[in-house]
Structures are given as structure tokens and as C-alpha cells.
N, C-alpha and C. Protein backbone atom coordinates (compact mmCIF):
# COMPACT_ATOMS: atom_id res chain seq x y z
N UNK A 1 3.30 -18.80 -12.10
CA UNK A 1 3.64 -17.57 -11.41
C UNK A 1 2.36 -16.79 -11.08
N UNK A 2 2.34 -16.17 -9.93
CA UNK A 2 1.19 -15.43 -9.46
C UNK A 2 1.08 -14.09 -10.20
N UNK A 3 -0.16 -13.60 -10.35
CA UNK A 3 -0.38 -12.30 -10.97
C UNK A 3 -0.26 -11.16 -9.97
N UNK A 4 -0.02 -11.47 -8.71
CA UNK A 4 0.09 -10.45 -7.68
C UNK A 4 1.47 -9.81 -7.74
N UNK A 5 1.50 -8.48 -7.57
CA UNK A 5 2.76 -7.74 -7.51
C UNK A 5 2.84 -7.03 -6.18
N UNK A 6 4.04 -6.96 -5.62
CA UNK A 6 4.24 -6.34 -4.32
C UNK A 6 5.00 -5.02 -4.49
N UNK A 7 4.58 -4.02 -3.72
CA UNK A 7 5.17 -2.69 -3.81
C UNK A 7 5.70 -2.24 -2.46
N UNK A 8 6.68 -1.32 -2.49
CA UNK A 8 7.23 -0.73 -1.28
C UNK A 8 6.48 0.52 -0.89
N UNK A 9 6.04 1.28 -1.91
CA UNK A 9 5.35 2.55 -1.66
C UNK A 9 4.38 2.82 -2.79
N UNK A 10 3.23 3.41 -2.44
CA UNK A 10 2.27 3.84 -3.45
C UNK A 10 1.77 5.23 -3.06
N UNK A 11 1.64 6.08 -4.07
CA UNK A 11 1.12 7.43 -3.87
C UNK A 11 -0.10 7.57 -4.76
N UNK A 12 -1.23 7.94 -4.17
CA UNK A 12 -2.50 8.00 -4.90
C UNK A 12 -2.89 9.46 -5.08
N UNK A 13 -2.97 9.89 -6.33
CA UNK A 13 -3.34 11.27 -6.66
C UNK A 13 -2.57 11.74 -7.87
N UNK A 14 -3.16 12.65 -8.62
CA UNK A 14 -2.53 13.12 -9.85
C UNK A 14 -1.33 14.02 -9.60
N UNK A 15 -1.34 14.75 -8.50
CA UNK A 15 -0.24 15.64 -8.14
C UNK A 15 0.58 14.95 -7.04
N UNK A 16 1.78 14.52 -7.37
CA UNK A 16 2.59 13.72 -6.44
C UNK A 16 2.82 14.42 -5.10
N UNK A 17 3.05 15.70 -5.11
CA UNK A 17 3.33 16.43 -3.87
C UNK A 17 2.12 16.45 -2.93
N UNK A 18 0.92 16.44 -3.47
CA UNK A 18 -0.30 16.49 -2.66
C UNK A 18 -1.04 15.15 -2.59
N UNK A 19 -0.42 14.10 -3.11
CA UNK A 19 -1.04 12.77 -3.11
C UNK A 19 -0.99 12.16 -1.71
N UNK A 20 -1.80 11.12 -1.51
CA UNK A 20 -1.74 10.33 -0.27
C UNK A 20 -0.67 9.28 -0.47
N UNK A 21 0.29 9.22 0.45
CA UNK A 21 1.43 8.31 0.34
C UNK A 21 1.29 7.18 1.36
N UNK A 22 1.49 5.96 0.91
CA UNK A 22 1.43 4.77 1.76
C UNK A 22 2.72 3.99 1.55
N UNK A 23 3.48 3.78 2.63
CA UNK A 23 4.78 3.11 2.54
C UNK A 23 4.85 1.97 3.54
N UNK A 24 5.32 0.80 3.07
CA UNK A 24 5.46 -0.36 3.95
C UNK A 24 6.39 0.01 5.11
N UNK A 25 5.96 -0.31 6.32
CA UNK A 25 6.75 -0.03 7.52
C UNK A 25 6.36 1.26 8.23
N UNK A 26 5.56 2.11 7.57
CA UNK A 26 5.16 3.37 8.21
C UNK A 26 3.86 3.17 8.98
N UNK A 27 3.59 4.09 9.89
CA UNK A 27 2.37 4.02 10.69
C UNK A 27 1.17 4.47 9.87
N UNK A 28 0.03 3.83 10.09
CA UNK A 28 -1.17 4.13 9.33
C UNK A 28 -2.13 5.03 10.11
N UNK A 29 -1.82 5.32 11.37
CA UNK A 29 -2.68 6.20 12.16
C UNK A 29 -1.85 6.96 13.19
N UNK A 30 -2.48 7.92 13.83
CA UNK A 30 -1.76 8.76 14.80
C UNK A 30 -1.45 8.03 16.10
N UNK A 31 -2.23 7.02 16.45
CA UNK A 31 -1.96 6.25 17.66
C UNK A 31 -0.70 5.40 17.53
N UNK A 32 -0.25 5.21 16.31
CA UNK A 32 0.94 4.41 15.99
C UNK A 32 0.78 2.96 16.41
N UNK A 33 -0.45 2.44 16.29
CA UNK A 33 -0.65 1.02 16.58
C UNK A 33 -0.95 0.21 15.31
N UNK A 34 -1.15 0.89 14.18
CA UNK A 34 -1.32 0.22 12.89
C UNK A 34 -0.11 0.50 12.01
N UNK A 35 0.51 -0.56 11.51
CA UNK A 35 1.68 -0.42 10.65
C UNK A 35 1.35 -1.02 9.29
N UNK A 36 1.68 -0.30 8.23
CA UNK A 36 1.45 -0.82 6.88
C UNK A 36 2.41 -1.98 6.65
N UNK A 37 1.85 -3.17 6.38
CA UNK A 37 2.68 -4.36 6.25
C UNK A 37 2.92 -4.76 4.80
N UNK A 38 1.96 -4.54 3.93
CA UNK A 38 2.09 -4.93 2.52
C UNK A 38 1.25 -4.03 1.64
N UNK A 39 1.70 -3.88 0.39
CA UNK A 39 0.93 -3.21 -0.65
C UNK A 39 0.98 -4.15 -1.85
N UNK A 40 -0.18 -4.64 -2.26
CA UNK A 40 -0.26 -5.67 -3.29
C UNK A 40 -1.16 -5.20 -4.43
N UNK A 41 -0.77 -5.50 -5.67
CA UNK A 41 -1.65 -5.33 -6.82
C UNK A 41 -2.24 -6.69 -7.12
N UNK A 42 -3.54 -6.84 -6.92
CA UNK A 42 -4.23 -8.11 -7.15
C UNK A 42 -5.35 -7.86 -8.15
N UNK A 43 -5.22 -8.41 -9.33
CA UNK A 43 -6.16 -8.21 -10.44
C UNK A 43 -6.23 -6.74 -10.80
N UNK A 44 -7.31 -6.04 -10.47
CA UNK A 44 -7.47 -4.63 -10.85
C UNK A 44 -7.52 -3.70 -9.66
N UNK A 45 -6.88 -4.10 -8.56
CA UNK A 45 -6.96 -3.29 -7.35
C UNK A 45 -5.64 -3.31 -6.58
N UNK A 46 -5.22 -2.12 -6.14
CA UNK A 46 -4.10 -2.01 -5.20
C UNK A 46 -4.69 -2.17 -3.80
N UNK A 47 -4.14 -3.07 -2.99
CA UNK A 47 -4.66 -3.32 -1.66
C UNK A 47 -3.56 -3.03 -0.64
N UNK A 48 -3.88 -2.20 0.35
CA UNK A 48 -2.96 -1.86 1.43
C UNK A 48 -3.35 -2.67 2.66
N UNK A 49 -2.40 -3.43 3.20
CA UNK A 49 -2.63 -4.25 4.39
C UNK A 49 -1.95 -3.61 5.59
N UNK A 50 -2.59 -3.70 6.75
CA UNK A 50 -2.02 -3.19 7.99
C UNK A 50 -1.88 -4.34 8.99
N UNK A 51 -0.96 -4.14 9.93
CA UNK A 51 -0.72 -5.12 10.99
C UNK A 51 -0.95 -4.44 12.33
N UNK A 52 -1.72 -5.13 13.19
CA UNK A 52 -1.94 -4.66 14.55
C UNK A 52 -2.00 -5.89 15.44
N UNK A 53 -1.17 -5.91 16.46
CA UNK A 53 -1.12 -7.04 17.40
C UNK A 53 -0.93 -8.36 16.67
N UNK A 54 -0.01 -8.39 15.70
CA UNK A 54 0.32 -9.58 14.90
C UNK A 54 -0.83 -10.11 14.07
N UNK A 55 -1.83 -9.27 13.79
CA UNK A 55 -2.94 -9.64 12.92
C UNK A 55 -2.89 -8.73 11.69
N UNK A 56 -2.83 -9.36 10.51
CA UNK A 56 -2.76 -8.62 9.25
C UNK A 56 -4.15 -8.59 8.63
N UNK A 57 -4.58 -7.39 8.17
CA UNK A 57 -5.89 -7.28 7.52
C UNK A 57 -5.86 -6.21 6.44
N UNK A 58 -6.79 -6.32 5.50
CA UNK A 58 -6.92 -5.29 4.47
C UNK A 58 -7.35 -3.99 5.12
N UNK A 59 -6.75 -2.88 4.63
CA UNK A 59 -7.09 -1.58 5.19
C UNK A 59 -7.73 -0.68 4.14
N UNK A 60 -7.08 -0.56 2.99
CA UNK A 60 -7.59 0.31 1.93
C UNK A 60 -7.40 -0.38 0.59
N UNK A 61 -8.24 -0.02 -0.34
CA UNK A 61 -8.12 -0.52 -1.70
C UNK A 61 -8.32 0.60 -2.69
N UNK A 62 -7.57 0.57 -3.78
CA UNK A 62 -7.67 1.58 -4.82
C UNK A 62 -7.79 0.89 -6.16
N UNK A 63 -8.71 1.34 -6.98
CA UNK A 63 -8.89 0.79 -8.30
C UNK A 63 -7.63 1.04 -9.13
N UNK A 64 -7.29 0.09 -9.97
CA UNK A 64 -6.09 0.23 -10.79
C UNK A 64 -6.16 1.43 -11.73
N UNK A 65 -7.37 1.88 -12.05
CA UNK A 65 -7.52 3.01 -12.95
C UNK A 65 -7.26 4.36 -12.25
N UNK A 66 -7.15 4.36 -10.92
CA UNK A 66 -6.82 5.59 -10.19
C UNK A 66 -5.39 6.02 -10.54
N UNK A 67 -5.14 7.31 -10.46
CA UNK A 67 -3.80 7.82 -10.75
C UNK A 67 -2.90 7.47 -9.57
N UNK A 68 -1.91 6.60 -9.81
CA UNK A 68 -1.01 6.13 -8.76
C UNK A 68 0.44 6.20 -9.22
N UNK A 69 1.30 6.53 -8.31
CA UNK A 69 2.74 6.44 -8.51
C UNK A 69 3.19 5.35 -7.54
N UNK A 70 4.06 4.46 -7.98
CA UNK A 70 4.45 3.37 -7.09
C UNK A 70 5.92 3.04 -7.24
N UNK A 71 6.45 2.43 -6.20
CA UNK A 71 7.83 1.94 -6.17
C UNK A 71 7.79 0.46 -5.86
N UNK A 72 8.49 -0.33 -6.66
CA UNK A 72 8.57 -1.77 -6.43
C UNK A 72 9.54 -2.07 -5.30
N UNK A 73 9.37 -3.22 -4.67
CA UNK A 73 10.37 -3.72 -3.74
C UNK A 73 11.52 -4.25 -4.56
N UNK A 74 12.75 -3.88 -4.25
CA UNK A 74 13.90 -4.32 -5.03
C UNK A 74 14.38 -5.70 -4.60
N UNK A 75 14.29 -6.01 -3.32
CA UNK A 75 14.74 -7.31 -2.82
C UNK A 75 13.73 -7.81 -1.80
N UNK A 76 13.51 -9.09 -1.83
CA UNK A 76 12.56 -9.67 -0.86
C UNK A 76 13.27 -10.60 0.05
């Protein structure tokens, strides 16, 4: 079994109301051409992937020691 875990939403920051929220399926920029496709925990880092023109790439990474609130995907 893989050590990677997949999430639906992650919020980075100690105060949930003022944290940065990243949710799969939401737009990652104001142009609305980048869509968050995956949020993965790989080893000691949360990695946010975006999709643009059917190309998926890493967008942001957060150390596992950062204060994060997350929601798992319930069904795949």
C-alpha cells in the first residue's frame, strides 16, 4: 500500500476562518484557467496539484509541520 494520502480540502493556518483554503475542483486563480485537481500528502509534505489545458502539475507545497486542517475524500 502506498504512503500517499488524498484529500478533498486543506486549510493552511492556525485560525481556520483566516486560513488559506484549497479545495479540489475550485479555481486556483482569478483568470479561472487553473483548477485544483489533487491534494496529496507525500512523505512530509502536502502537495497541491493544478490542471490547465489537460496538463497536471505541482502548484504549492506545505510542510507537514505547518498548521493544517484537512478533509479526506470519502469516496473515490
